Amino acid sequence: MPHHVKSRRRYDSSRRRTDAAARRQAVLTSARELFLQNGFAATTVAAVADRADVSPETVYKYFGGKPGLVRALHDQALLGQGPVPAEHRSDSLRANTDALEVVRGWARLTTEVSPQAAPILLLVRDAALVDTAMRRLLAELDDTRHRRMTENAQFLHSTGHLRPGVTTQMAADLLWSVTAPEMFELLVRRRGWSIEQYADFVYHTIAHGLLATS
């Protein structure tokens, strides 16, 4: 009998975790749909909860409110597709000695992540005009993204791949700009470029702008 009870408890615990993960994902899916459809200000926690078929208290428990929802959506978008987070795959590219292959890999990851992350970053940018919490989040996300680009620029510098006269700071700024959500918005969402055209643009801009071997 004790063995049966322990097995049942393990089953119940696993089922609860699975159900909680499903509820959390339902909230994120509903929040993304409503934020992108109605904007940050017009979207309420109650509306997100109603669409996800959970209570508002559940949304607050998981995310602490609308800014927390936006942050979670951004973090989820950065994972990319597949079992290995895009950031980890980006770091692993640095093992390649061919700088063009590294940049080509970065371009592929950008086009994998941008369709999901860019709309959220643009939402943060627009909401920051009127919301203090979102203004702080925008500054944090901008700084984090530039820090990542600085790490990539430092890699190019340390391996001797930067074009003569290009400083690490200049390289970081170019990487930060060419992969910005505004660039994705202009070329893909407003000018109708395909994701393949956007990948080529990112690749060629970085390669010709930064690399000594391009």
N, C-alpha and C. Protein backbone atom coordinates (compact mmCIF):
# COMPACT_ATOMS: atom_id res chain seq x y z
N MET A 1 0.82 -1.22 0.00
CA MET A 1 0.00 0.00 0.00
C MET A 1 0.85 1.27 0.00
N PRO A 2 1.90 1.40 0.87
CA PRO A 2 2.74 2.60 0.83
C PRO A 2 3.35 2.82 -0.53
N HIS A 3 3.77 1.73 -1.20
CA HIS A 3 4.37 1.86 -2.53
C HIS A 3 3.36 2.46 -3.50
N HIS A 4 2.11 2.02 -3.40
CA HIS A 4 1.05 2.53 -4.27
C HIS A 4 0.84 4.02 -4.04
N VAL A 5 0.85 4.45 -2.79
CA VAL A 5 0.65 5.86 -2.47
C VAL A 5 1.77 6.70 -3.04
N LYS A 6 3.03 6.24 -2.90
CA LYS A 6 4.16 7.00 -3.42
C LYS A 6 4.07 7.14 -4.94
N SER A 7 3.69 6.06 -5.62
CA SER A 7 3.56 6.13 -7.07
C SER A 7 2.48 7.12 -7.48
N ARG A 8 1.37 7.10 -6.74
CA ARG A 8 0.27 8.00 -7.05
C ARG A 8 0.69 9.45 -6.87
N ARG A 9 1.49 9.69 -5.79
CA ARG A 9 1.94 11.05 -5.54
C ARG A 9 2.87 11.53 -6.63
N ARG A 10 3.78 10.64 -7.11
CA ARG A 10 4.67 11.02 -8.21
C ARG A 10 3.86 11.34 -9.45
N TYR A 11 2.83 10.54 -9.72
CA TYR A 11 1.97 10.77 -10.87
C TYR A 11 1.24 12.10 -10.75
N ASP A 12 0.68 12.36 -9.57
CA ASP A 12 -0.06 13.60 -9.36
C ASP A 12 0.84 14.81 -9.52
N SER A 13 2.06 14.73 -8.99
CA SER A 13 3.00 15.84 -9.09
C SER A 13 3.36 16.11 -10.54
N SER A 14 3.61 15.06 -11.31
CA SER A 14 3.95 15.21 -12.72
C SER A 14 2.78 15.81 -13.49
N ARG A 15 1.58 15.33 -13.19
CA ARG A 15 0.38 15.84 -13.87
C ARG A 15 0.16 17.31 -13.55
N ARG A 16 0.40 17.70 -12.30
CA ARG A 16 0.22 19.10 -11.92
C ARG A 16 1.21 20.00 -12.66
N ARG A 17 2.46 19.53 -12.77
CA ARG A 17 3.45 20.33 -13.50
C ARG A 17 3.08 20.46 -14.96
N THR A 18 2.60 19.37 -15.56
CA THR A 18 2.19 19.41 -16.96
C THR A 18 1.02 20.36 -17.16
N ASP A 19 0.04 20.30 -16.25
CA ASP A 19 -1.12 21.18 -16.35
C ASP A 19 -0.72 22.64 -16.15
N ALA A 20 0.19 22.88 -15.22
CA ALA A 20 0.63 24.26 -14.98
C ALA A 20 1.38 24.81 -16.20
N ALA A 21 2.21 23.98 -16.82
CA ALA A 21 2.93 24.42 -18.02
C ALA A 21 1.96 24.72 -19.15
N ALA A 22 0.91 23.90 -19.28
CA ALA A 22 -0.09 24.13 -20.32
C ALA A 22 -0.84 25.43 -20.07
N ARG A 23 -1.20 25.69 -18.81
CA ARG A 23 -1.90 26.93 -18.49
C ARG A 23 -1.00 28.13 -18.76
N ARG A 24 0.25 28.02 -18.38
CA ARG A 24 1.20 29.12 -18.60
C ARG A 24 1.33 29.42 -20.09
N GLN A 25 1.44 28.37 -20.90
CA GLN A 25 1.58 28.59 -22.34
C GLN A 25 0.29 29.17 -22.93
N ALA A 26 -0.84 28.74 -22.42
CA ALA A 26 -2.11 29.29 -22.90
C ALA A 26 -2.19 30.78 -22.61
N VAL A 27 -1.72 31.18 -21.44
CA VAL A 27 -1.71 32.61 -21.09
C VAL A 27 -0.79 33.38 -22.03
N LEU A 28 0.40 32.85 -22.29
CA LEU A 28 1.34 33.53 -23.19
C LEU A 28 0.79 33.64 -24.61
N THR A 29 0.19 32.57 -25.09
CA THR A 29 -0.39 32.61 -26.44
C THR A 29 -1.49 33.66 -26.52
N SER A 30 -2.36 33.68 -25.51
CA SER A 30 -3.45 34.67 -25.50
C SER A 30 -2.92 36.08 -25.37
N ALA A 31 -1.91 36.27 -24.53
CA ALA A 31 -1.34 37.60 -24.35
C ALA A 31 -0.70 38.11 -25.64
N ARG A 32 0.05 37.26 -26.32
CA ARG A 32 0.67 37.67 -27.58
C ARG A 32 -0.38 38.11 -28.60
N GLU A 33 -1.43 37.30 -28.72
CA GLU A 33 -2.49 37.63 -29.69
C GLU A 33 -3.13 38.97 -29.36
N LEU A 34 -3.45 39.19 -28.10
CA LEU A 34 -4.14 40.42 -27.72
C LEU A 34 -3.21 41.64 -27.77
N PHE A 35 -1.97 41.49 -27.31
CA PHE A 35 -1.03 42.61 -27.37
C PHE A 35 -0.81 43.07 -28.81
N LEU A 36 -0.60 42.11 -29.70
CA LEU A 36 -0.30 42.48 -31.07
C LEU A 36 -1.54 42.96 -31.82
N GLN A 37 -2.70 42.53 -31.35
CA GLN A 37 -3.94 42.97 -31.99
C GLN A 37 -4.41 44.33 -31.48
N ASN A 38 -4.30 44.55 -30.16
CA ASN A 38 -4.89 45.73 -29.54
C ASN A 38 -3.88 46.72 -28.96
N GLY A 39 -2.63 46.30 -28.84
CA GLY A 39 -1.64 47.16 -28.21
C GLY A 39 -1.53 46.89 -26.72
N PHE A 40 -0.48 47.44 -26.11
CA PHE A 40 -0.22 47.18 -24.69
C PHE A 40 -1.27 47.82 -23.80
N ALA A 41 -1.56 49.10 -24.01
CA ALA A 41 -2.45 49.84 -23.11
C ALA A 41 -3.87 49.27 -23.13
N ALA A 42 -4.34 48.89 -24.31
CA ALA A 42 -5.73 48.44 -24.43
C ALA A 42 -5.94 47.00 -23.99
N THR A 43 -4.88 46.27 -23.79
CA THR A 43 -4.98 44.87 -23.37
C THR A 43 -4.97 44.79 -21.85
N THR A 44 -5.94 44.12 -21.29
CA THR A 44 -6.03 43.99 -19.84
C THR A 44 -5.69 42.57 -19.42
N VAL A 45 -5.28 42.43 -18.18
CA VAL A 45 -5.01 41.11 -17.63
C VAL A 45 -6.29 40.27 -17.64
N ALA A 46 -7.42 40.91 -17.37
CA ALA A 46 -8.69 40.18 -17.38
C ALA A 46 -8.99 39.61 -18.76
N ALA A 47 -8.69 40.39 -19.81
CA ALA A 47 -8.95 39.90 -21.17
C ALA A 47 -8.03 38.73 -21.51
N VAL A 48 -6.77 38.82 -21.11
CA VAL A 48 -5.84 37.72 -21.34
C VAL A 48 -6.31 36.47 -20.61
N ALA A 49 -6.71 36.63 -19.36
CA ALA A 49 -7.18 35.49 -18.57
C ALA A 49 -8.41 34.86 -19.19
N ASP A 50 -9.33 35.69 -19.65
CA ASP A 50 -10.56 35.18 -20.24
C ASP A 50 -10.27 34.37 -21.50
N ARG A 51 -9.37 34.89 -22.35
CA ARG A 51 -9.05 34.17 -23.57
C ARG A 51 -8.33 32.86 -23.27
N ALA A 52 -7.49 32.86 -22.24
CA ALA A 52 -6.74 31.65 -21.88
C ALA A 52 -7.55 30.69 -21.02
N ASP A 53 -8.75 31.11 -20.63
CA ASP A 53 -9.63 30.30 -19.79
C ASP A 53 -8.99 29.99 -18.44
N VAL A 54 -8.40 31.03 -17.86
CA VAL A 54 -7.86 30.94 -16.50
C VAL A 54 -8.35 32.16 -15.73
N SER A 55 -8.07 32.20 -14.46
CA SER A 55 -8.46 33.35 -13.65
C SER A 55 -7.41 34.45 -13.77
N PRO A 56 -7.79 35.72 -13.57
CA PRO A 56 -6.79 36.79 -13.54
C PRO A 56 -5.72 36.55 -12.48
N GLU A 57 -6.12 35.93 -11.37
CA GLU A 57 -5.15 35.63 -10.32
C GLU A 57 -4.05 34.69 -10.83
N THR A 58 -4.41 33.77 -11.71
CA THR A 58 -3.42 32.86 -12.28
C THR A 58 -2.40 33.63 -13.12
N VAL A 59 -2.88 34.60 -13.88
CA VAL A 59 -1.97 35.42 -14.70
C VAL A 59 -1.00 36.17 -13.80
N TYR A 60 -1.53 36.80 -12.75
CA TYR A 60 -0.66 37.54 -11.82
C TYR A 60 0.32 36.60 -11.11
N LYS A 61 -0.15 35.40 -10.78
CA LYS A 61 0.71 34.43 -10.09
C LYS A 61 1.91 34.04 -10.97
N TYR A 62 1.65 33.80 -12.24
CA TYR A 62 2.72 33.36 -13.14
C TYR A 62 3.61 34.51 -13.60
N PHE A 63 3.02 35.68 -13.84
CA PHE A 63 3.76 36.74 -14.54
C PHE A 63 3.78 38.09 -13.82
N GLY A 64 2.97 38.28 -12.82
CA GLY A 64 3.01 39.52 -12.05
C GLY A 64 2.40 40.72 -12.74
N GLY A 65 1.70 40.53 -13.85
CA GLY A 65 1.07 41.66 -14.53
C GLY A 65 1.52 41.78 -15.97
N LYS A 66 1.09 42.85 -16.63
CA LYS A 66 1.35 43.00 -18.06
C LYS A 66 2.84 43.12 -18.41
N PRO A 67 3.64 43.91 -17.69
CA PRO A 67 5.08 43.95 -18.02
C PRO A 67 5.75 42.58 -17.93
N GLY A 68 5.34 41.80 -16.95
CA GLY A 68 5.89 40.45 -16.82
C GLY A 68 5.49 39.55 -17.97
N LEU A 69 4.28 39.73 -18.46
CA LEU A 69 3.84 38.98 -19.63
C LEU A 69 4.69 39.32 -20.85
N VAL A 70 4.93 40.61 -21.05
CA VAL A 70 5.72 41.04 -22.20
C VAL A 70 7.15 40.50 -22.10
N ARG A 71 7.72 40.56 -20.92
CA ARG A 71 9.08 40.04 -20.73
C ARG A 71 9.12 38.53 -21.05
N ALA A 72 8.13 37.80 -20.57
CA ALA A 72 8.09 36.36 -20.81
C ALA A 72 7.92 36.06 -22.30
N LEU A 73 7.12 36.85 -22.99
CA LEU A 73 6.96 36.67 -24.44
C LEU A 73 8.27 36.94 -25.17
N HIS A 74 8.98 37.96 -24.73
CA HIS A 74 10.28 38.26 -25.34
C HIS A 74 11.27 37.12 -25.10
N ASP A 75 11.35 36.64 -23.87
CA ASP A 75 12.28 35.56 -23.54
C ASP A 75 11.94 34.31 -24.33
N GLN A 76 10.67 34.02 -24.48
CA GLN A 76 10.26 32.85 -25.24
C GLN A 76 10.65 32.99 -26.71
N ALA A 77 10.47 34.19 -27.27
CA ALA A 77 10.80 34.41 -28.67
C ALA A 77 12.29 34.20 -28.94
N LEU A 78 13.13 34.57 -27.98
CA LEU A 78 14.57 34.44 -28.16
C LEU A 78 15.04 32.99 -28.18
N LEU A 79 14.22 32.08 -27.73
CA LEU A 79 14.62 30.68 -27.74
C LEU A 79 14.75 30.14 -29.15
N GLY A 80 14.00 30.72 -30.10
CA GLY A 80 14.01 30.21 -31.46
C GLY A 80 13.26 28.91 -31.56
N GLN A 81 13.62 28.11 -32.56
CA GLN A 81 12.93 26.86 -32.80
C GLN A 81 13.87 25.69 -32.51
N GLY A 82 13.29 24.62 -32.01
CA GLY A 82 14.11 23.45 -31.73
C GLY A 82 14.47 23.34 -30.26
N PRO A 83 15.12 22.24 -29.88
CA PRO A 83 15.39 21.98 -28.46
C PRO A 83 16.52 22.82 -27.88
N VAL A 84 17.42 23.34 -28.71
CA VAL A 84 18.56 24.12 -28.21
C VAL A 84 18.27 25.61 -28.41
N PRO A 85 18.31 26.42 -27.34
CA PRO A 85 18.03 27.86 -27.47
C PRO A 85 18.92 28.52 -28.51
N ALA A 86 18.36 29.50 -29.23
CA ALA A 86 19.09 30.17 -30.30
C ALA A 86 20.37 30.82 -29.79
N GLU A 87 20.35 31.35 -28.57
CA GLU A 87 21.53 31.99 -28.02
C GLU A 87 22.67 31.00 -27.87
N HIS A 88 22.38 29.78 -27.44
CA HIS A 88 23.41 28.76 -27.29
C HIS A 88 23.96 28.36 -28.65
N ARG A 89 23.08 28.27 -29.65
CA ARG A 89 23.55 27.93 -30.99
C ARG A 89 24.40 29.06 -31.57
N SER A 90 24.05 30.30 -31.24
CA SER A 90 24.87 31.43 -31.68
C SER A 90 26.27 31.35 -31.08
N ASP A 91 26.35 31.04 -29.79
CA ASP A 91 27.65 30.93 -29.14
C ASP A 91 28.48 29.80 -29.74
N SER A 92 27.83 28.70 -30.08
CA SER A 92 28.56 27.55 -30.62
C SER A 92 29.16 27.84 -31.99
N LEU A 93 28.62 28.82 -32.70
CA LEU A 93 29.16 29.17 -34.02
C LEU A 93 30.58 29.70 -33.92
N ARG A 94 30.96 30.22 -32.76
CA ARG A 94 32.29 30.79 -32.60
C ARG A 94 33.40 29.75 -32.69
N ALA A 95 33.03 28.47 -32.66
CA ALA A 95 34.03 27.42 -32.82
C ALA A 95 34.47 27.29 -34.28
N ASN A 96 33.73 27.90 -35.19
CA ASN A 96 34.05 27.82 -36.62
C ASN A 96 35.17 28.80 -36.95
N THR A 97 36.16 28.35 -37.70
CA THR A 97 37.28 29.23 -38.06
C THR A 97 36.99 30.06 -39.30
N ASP A 98 35.93 29.74 -40.02
CA ASP A 98 35.54 30.48 -41.22
C ASP A 98 34.58 31.60 -40.81
N ALA A 99 35.05 32.85 -40.87
CA ALA A 99 34.24 33.98 -40.42
C ALA A 99 32.96 34.12 -41.23
N LEU A 100 33.02 33.83 -42.52
CA LEU A 100 31.83 33.93 -43.35
C LEU A 100 30.77 32.93 -42.92
N GLU A 101 31.20 31.74 -42.51
CA GLU A 101 30.24 30.75 -42.02
C GLU A 101 29.64 31.18 -40.69
N VAL A 102 30.43 31.82 -39.85
CA VAL A 102 29.91 32.34 -38.59
C VAL A 102 28.82 33.37 -38.85
N VAL A 103 29.11 34.33 -39.72
CA VAL A 103 28.14 35.38 -40.03
C VAL A 103 26.91 34.80 -40.71
N ARG A 104 27.12 33.82 -41.58
CA ARG A 104 25.97 33.19 -42.22
C ARG A 104 25.08 32.51 -41.18
N GLY A 105 25.70 31.90 -40.18
CA GLY A 105 24.93 31.29 -39.10
C GLY A 105 24.18 32.32 -38.28
N TRP A 106 24.83 33.45 -38.01
CA TRP A 106 24.14 34.53 -37.29
C TRP A 106 22.92 35.02 -38.07
N ALA A 107 23.09 35.15 -39.38
CA ALA A 107 21.98 35.62 -40.22
C ALA A 107 20.81 34.63 -40.17
N ARG A 108 21.12 33.34 -40.21
CA ARG A 108 20.05 32.34 -40.13
C ARG A 108 19.32 32.43 -38.80
N LEU A 109 20.06 32.59 -37.71
CA LEU A 109 19.43 32.69 -36.40
C LEU A 109 18.59 33.96 -36.28
N THR A 110 19.08 35.05 -36.86
CA THR A 110 18.31 36.30 -36.83
C THR A 110 16.96 36.13 -37.49
N THR A 111 16.93 35.45 -38.63
CA THR A 111 15.67 35.27 -39.34
C THR A 111 14.79 34.22 -38.67
N GLU A 112 15.36 33.40 -37.82
CA GLU A 112 14.57 32.45 -37.04
C GLU A 112 13.90 33.15 -35.86
N VAL A 113 14.65 34.05 -35.23
CA VAL A 113 14.16 34.69 -34.01
C VAL A 113 13.33 35.94 -34.31
N SER A 114 13.73 36.73 -35.30
CA SER A 114 13.11 38.03 -35.53
C SER A 114 11.59 37.99 -35.76
N PRO A 115 11.06 37.03 -36.53
CA PRO A 115 9.61 37.03 -36.72
C PRO A 115 8.82 36.95 -35.42
N GLN A 116 9.41 36.32 -34.39
CA GLN A 116 8.74 36.23 -33.10
C GLN A 116 9.12 37.37 -32.16
N ALA A 117 10.41 37.73 -32.16
CA ALA A 117 10.90 38.72 -31.19
C ALA A 117 10.64 40.15 -31.62
N ALA A 118 10.77 40.45 -32.91
CA ALA A 118 10.64 41.83 -33.36
C ALA A 118 9.28 42.45 -33.01
N PRO A 119 8.16 41.76 -33.25
CA PRO A 119 6.87 42.37 -32.88
C PRO A 119 6.76 42.70 -31.40
N ILE A 120 7.36 41.86 -30.55
CA ILE A 120 7.31 42.12 -29.11
C ILE A 120 8.18 43.32 -28.76
N LEU A 121 9.38 43.40 -29.34
CA LEU A 121 10.26 44.54 -29.08
C LEU A 121 9.64 45.84 -29.57
N LEU A 122 8.95 45.78 -30.69
CA LEU A 122 8.28 46.98 -31.20
C LEU A 122 7.11 47.37 -30.30
N LEU A 123 6.44 46.37 -29.75
CA LEU A 123 5.37 46.63 -28.77
C LEU A 123 5.94 47.35 -27.55
N VAL A 124 7.09 46.87 -27.07
CA VAL A 124 7.74 47.51 -25.92
C VAL A 124 8.12 48.94 -26.27
N ARG A 125 8.69 49.15 -27.43
CA ARG A 125 9.09 50.49 -27.86
C ARG A 125 7.90 51.45 -27.86
N ASP A 126 6.80 51.02 -28.43
CA ASP A 126 5.63 51.90 -28.51
C ASP A 126 5.02 52.15 -27.13
N ALA A 127 4.94 51.10 -26.31
CA ALA A 127 4.36 51.25 -24.98
C ALA A 127 5.22 52.11 -24.09
N ALA A 128 6.53 52.13 -24.34
CA ALA A 128 7.46 52.92 -23.52
C ALA A 128 7.18 54.41 -23.59
N LEU A 129 6.47 54.84 -24.62
CA LEU A 129 6.15 56.26 -24.75
C LEU A 129 5.23 56.75 -23.64
N VAL A 130 4.43 55.83 -23.08
CA VAL A 130 3.44 56.25 -22.10
C VAL A 130 3.48 55.46 -20.80
N ASP A 131 4.30 54.40 -20.75
CA ASP A 131 4.31 53.53 -19.57
C ASP A 131 5.72 53.46 -19.00
N THR A 132 5.86 53.84 -17.73
CA THR A 132 7.18 53.88 -17.10
C THR A 132 7.82 52.50 -17.01
N ALA A 133 7.04 51.49 -16.64
CA ALA A 133 7.59 50.14 -16.53
C ALA A 133 8.10 49.64 -17.86
N MET A 134 7.38 49.96 -18.92
CA MET A 134 7.81 49.52 -20.24
C MET A 134 9.02 50.32 -20.72
N ARG A 135 9.13 51.56 -20.26
CA ARG A 135 10.32 52.36 -20.59
C ARG A 135 11.56 51.72 -19.99
N ARG A 136 11.43 51.27 -18.75
CA ARG A 136 12.56 50.59 -18.10
C ARG A 136 12.87 49.27 -18.81
N LEU A 137 11.84 48.55 -19.21
CA LEU A 137 12.05 47.27 -19.89
C LEU A 137 12.73 47.50 -21.24
N LEU A 138 12.33 48.54 -21.96
CA LEU A 138 12.94 48.84 -23.25
C LEU A 138 14.43 49.11 -23.08
N ALA A 139 14.79 49.92 -22.10
CA ALA A 139 16.20 50.22 -21.86
C ALA A 139 16.97 48.96 -21.51
N GLU A 140 16.38 48.10 -20.70
CA GLU A 140 17.04 46.85 -20.31
C GLU A 140 17.25 45.94 -21.51
N LEU A 141 16.21 45.78 -22.34
CA LEU A 141 16.32 44.88 -23.49
C LEU A 141 17.29 45.43 -24.52
N ASP A 142 17.29 46.75 -24.72
CA ASP A 142 18.26 47.36 -25.64
C ASP A 142 19.68 47.11 -25.16
N ASP A 143 19.92 47.31 -23.87
CA ASP A 143 21.25 47.11 -23.31
C ASP A 143 21.68 45.64 -23.43
N THR A 144 20.76 44.74 -23.16
CA THR A 144 21.08 43.32 -23.23
C THR A 144 21.43 42.91 -24.65
N ARG A 145 20.65 43.40 -25.61
CA ARG A 145 20.92 43.05 -27.01
C ARG A 145 22.25 43.63 -27.47
N HIS A 146 22.56 44.88 -27.05
CA HIS A 146 23.84 45.48 -27.44
C HIS A 146 25.00 44.74 -26.78
N ARG A 147 24.80 44.27 -25.57
CA ARG A 147 25.86 43.51 -24.90
C ARG A 147 26.15 42.21 -25.65
N ARG A 148 25.11 41.55 -26.14
CA ARG A 148 25.32 40.35 -26.94
C ARG A 148 26.09 40.67 -28.22
N MET A 149 25.72 41.77 -28.87
CA MET A 149 26.41 42.15 -30.10
C MET A 149 27.86 42.54 -29.82
N THR A 150 28.12 43.11 -28.66
CA THR A 150 29.49 43.43 -28.28
C THR A 150 30.31 42.16 -28.11
N GLU A 151 29.72 41.14 -27.52
CA GLU A 151 30.42 39.85 -27.38
C GLU A 151 30.76 39.28 -28.76
N ASN A 152 29.82 39.38 -29.70
CA ASN A 152 30.08 38.90 -31.05
C ASN A 152 31.19 39.72 -31.72
N ALA A 153 31.15 41.03 -31.51
CA ALA A 153 32.18 41.90 -32.09
C ALA A 153 33.55 41.58 -31.49
N GLN A 154 33.59 41.33 -30.20
CA GLN A 154 34.86 40.99 -29.55
C GLN A 154 35.40 39.67 -30.08
N PHE A 155 34.52 38.73 -30.39
CA PHE A 155 34.95 37.48 -31.00
C PHE A 155 35.59 37.75 -32.35
N LEU A 156 34.96 38.56 -33.19
CA LEU A 156 35.53 38.87 -34.50
C LEU A 156 36.89 39.57 -34.37
N HIS A 157 36.99 40.43 -33.38
CA HIS A 157 38.27 41.14 -33.15
C HIS A 157 39.35 40.18 -32.67
N SER A 158 39.03 39.33 -31.70
CA SER A 158 40.04 38.45 -31.11
C SER A 158 40.54 37.40 -32.09
N THR A 159 39.71 37.06 -33.08
CA THR A 159 40.12 36.06 -34.07
C THR A 159 40.70 36.69 -35.32
N GLY A 160 40.86 38.02 -35.33
CA GLY A 160 41.48 38.70 -36.45
C GLY A 160 40.60 38.84 -37.68
N HIS A 161 39.29 38.73 -37.50
CA HIS A 161 38.39 38.78 -38.65
C HIS A 161 37.89 40.18 -39.00
N LEU A 162 38.07 41.15 -38.11
CA LEU A 162 37.55 42.49 -38.38
C LEU A 162 38.38 43.19 -39.45
N ARG A 163 37.69 43.91 -40.29
CA ARG A 163 38.35 44.70 -41.32
C ARG A 163 39.23 45.77 -40.67
N PRO A 164 40.40 46.06 -41.24
CA PRO A 164 41.26 47.11 -40.68
C PRO A 164 40.51 48.44 -40.57
N GLY A 165 40.67 49.09 -39.44
CA GLY A 165 40.01 50.37 -39.20
C GLY A 165 38.67 50.26 -38.52
N VAL A 166 38.12 49.05 -38.42
CA VAL A 166 36.84 48.83 -37.75
C VAL A 166 37.11 48.47 -36.30
N THR A 167 36.65 49.29 -35.38
CA THR A 167 36.84 49.01 -33.96
C THR A 167 35.78 48.04 -33.46
N THR A 168 36.04 47.48 -32.29
CA THR A 168 35.05 46.59 -31.68
C THR A 168 33.74 47.32 -31.43
N GLN A 169 33.83 48.58 -31.00
CA GLN A 169 32.62 49.35 -30.74
C GLN A 169 31.82 49.59 -32.02
N MET A 170 32.53 49.93 -33.11
CA MET A 170 31.85 50.12 -34.39
C MET A 170 31.19 48.82 -34.84
N ALA A 171 31.89 47.71 -34.69
CA ALA A 171 31.33 46.42 -35.09
C ALA A 171 30.09 46.08 -34.27
N ALA A 172 30.16 46.32 -32.96
CA ALA A 172 29.01 46.03 -32.10
C ALA A 172 27.81 46.89 -32.51
N ASP A 173 28.06 48.16 -32.82
CA ASP A 173 26.96 49.04 -33.22
C ASP A 173 26.34 48.60 -34.54
N LEU A 174 27.17 48.16 -35.50
CA LEU A 174 26.62 47.69 -36.77
C LEU A 174 25.80 46.43 -36.57
N LEU A 175 26.32 45.48 -35.80
CA LEU A 175 25.58 44.25 -35.52
C LEU A 175 24.26 44.55 -34.83
N TRP A 176 24.29 45.47 -33.88
CA TRP A 176 23.10 45.85 -33.13
C TRP A 176 22.06 46.49 -34.04
N SER A 177 22.52 47.30 -34.98
CA SER A 177 21.60 48.02 -35.87
C SER A 177 21.00 47.13 -36.94
N VAL A 178 21.83 46.30 -37.58
CA VAL A 178 21.34 45.50 -38.70
C VAL A 178 20.36 44.43 -38.24
N THR A 179 20.47 44.02 -36.97
CA THR A 179 19.55 43.00 -36.43
C THR A 179 18.44 43.63 -35.58
N ALA A 180 18.29 44.93 -35.64
CA ALA A 180 17.29 45.62 -34.83
C ALA A 180 15.87 45.27 -35.28
N PRO A 181 14.92 45.29 -34.37
CA PRO A 181 13.53 45.01 -34.76
C PRO A 181 13.00 46.02 -35.76
N GLU A 182 13.50 47.26 -35.69
CA GLU A 182 13.06 48.28 -36.65
C GLU A 182 13.48 47.92 -38.07
N MET A 183 14.64 47.28 -38.22
CA MET A 183 15.09 46.87 -39.55
C MET A 183 14.19 45.77 -40.10
N PHE A 184 13.85 44.82 -39.25
CA PHE A 184 12.92 43.76 -39.66
C PHE A 184 11.57 44.35 -40.02
N GLU A 185 11.11 45.31 -39.22
CA GLU A 185 9.82 45.94 -39.50
C GLU A 185 9.83 46.64 -40.85
N LEU A 186 10.87 47.42 -41.13
CA LEU A 186 10.94 48.17 -42.38
C LEU A 186 10.98 47.26 -43.60
N LEU A 187 11.84 46.25 -43.57
CA LEU A 187 12.08 45.46 -44.77
C LEU A 187 11.08 44.33 -44.96
N VAL A 188 10.74 43.63 -43.89
CA VAL A 188 9.87 42.47 -44.02
C VAL A 188 8.40 42.85 -43.87
N ARG A 189 8.08 43.57 -42.82
CA ARG A 189 6.67 43.87 -42.55
C ARG A 189 6.13 45.00 -43.42
N ARG A 190 6.96 45.99 -43.72
CA ARG A 190 6.46 47.13 -44.48
C ARG A 190 6.80 47.08 -45.96
N ARG A 191 7.97 46.56 -46.31
CA ARG A 191 8.35 46.49 -47.71
C ARG A 191 8.09 45.12 -48.33
N GLY A 192 7.71 44.16 -47.51
CA GLY A 192 7.30 42.87 -48.03
C GLY A 192 8.42 41.94 -48.46
N TRP A 193 9.64 42.16 -47.92
CA TRP A 193 10.72 41.24 -48.24
C TRP A 193 10.42 39.86 -47.68
N SER A 194 10.90 38.84 -48.38
CA SER A 194 10.80 37.48 -47.85
C SER A 194 11.84 37.30 -46.75
N ILE A 195 11.66 36.27 -45.95
CA ILE A 195 12.61 36.01 -44.88
C ILE A 195 13.97 35.62 -45.46
N GLU A 196 13.98 35.01 -46.65
CA GLU A 196 15.24 34.67 -47.30
C GLU A 196 15.98 35.93 -47.75
N GLN A 197 15.24 36.91 -48.30
CA GLN A 197 15.86 38.17 -48.68
C GLN A 197 16.43 38.90 -47.47
N TYR A 198 15.71 38.84 -46.37
CA TYR A 198 16.18 39.47 -45.15
C TYR A 198 17.44 38.80 -44.64
N ALA A 199 17.49 37.47 -44.70
CA ALA A 199 18.69 36.74 -44.28
C ALA A 199 19.89 37.15 -45.12
N ASP A 200 19.70 37.27 -46.45
CA ASP A 200 20.79 37.69 -47.32
C ASP A 200 21.25 39.10 -46.98
N PHE A 201 20.31 39.98 -46.68
CA PHE A 201 20.66 41.36 -46.32
C PHE A 201 21.50 41.39 -45.05
N VAL A 202 21.08 40.66 -44.02
CA VAL A 202 21.83 40.63 -42.77
C VAL A 202 23.23 40.08 -43.02
N TYR A 203 23.30 38.99 -43.76
CA TYR A 203 24.60 38.37 -44.03
C TYR A 203 25.54 39.31 -44.78
N HIS A 204 25.08 39.86 -45.89
CA HIS A 204 25.95 40.69 -46.73
C HIS A 204 26.32 42.00 -46.03
N THR A 205 25.41 42.58 -45.28
CA THR A 205 25.72 43.82 -44.58
C THR A 205 26.82 43.60 -43.54
N ILE A 206 26.71 42.52 -42.78
CA ILE A 206 27.74 42.23 -41.78
C ILE A 206 29.06 41.85 -42.45
N ALA A 207 28.98 40.96 -43.44
CA ALA A 207 30.21 40.48 -44.08
C ALA A 207 30.98 41.61 -44.75
N HIS A 208 30.28 42.43 -45.54
CA HIS A 208 30.96 43.50 -46.27
C HIS A 208 31.31 44.67 -45.36
N GLY A 209 30.55 44.86 -44.31
CA GLY A 209 30.81 45.98 -43.43
C GLY A 209 31.90 45.74 -42.40
N LEU A 210 32.10 44.44 -42.05
CA LEU A 210 32.99 44.16 -40.93
C LEU A 210 34.18 43.26 -41.23
N LEU A 211 34.02 42.34 -42.13
CA LEU A 211 35.01 41.26 -42.24
C LEU A 211 36.15 41.59 -43.19
N ALA A 212 37.34 41.21 -42.78
CA ALA A 212 38.52 41.41 -43.63
C ALA A 212 38.55 40.40 -44.77
N THR A 213 37.79 39.31 -44.65
CA THR A 213 37.85 38.24 -45.64
C THR A 213 36.70 38.28 -46.64
N SER A 214 35.82 39.31 -46.54
CA SER A 214 34.65 39.34 -47.42
C SER A 214 35.03 39.75 -48.83
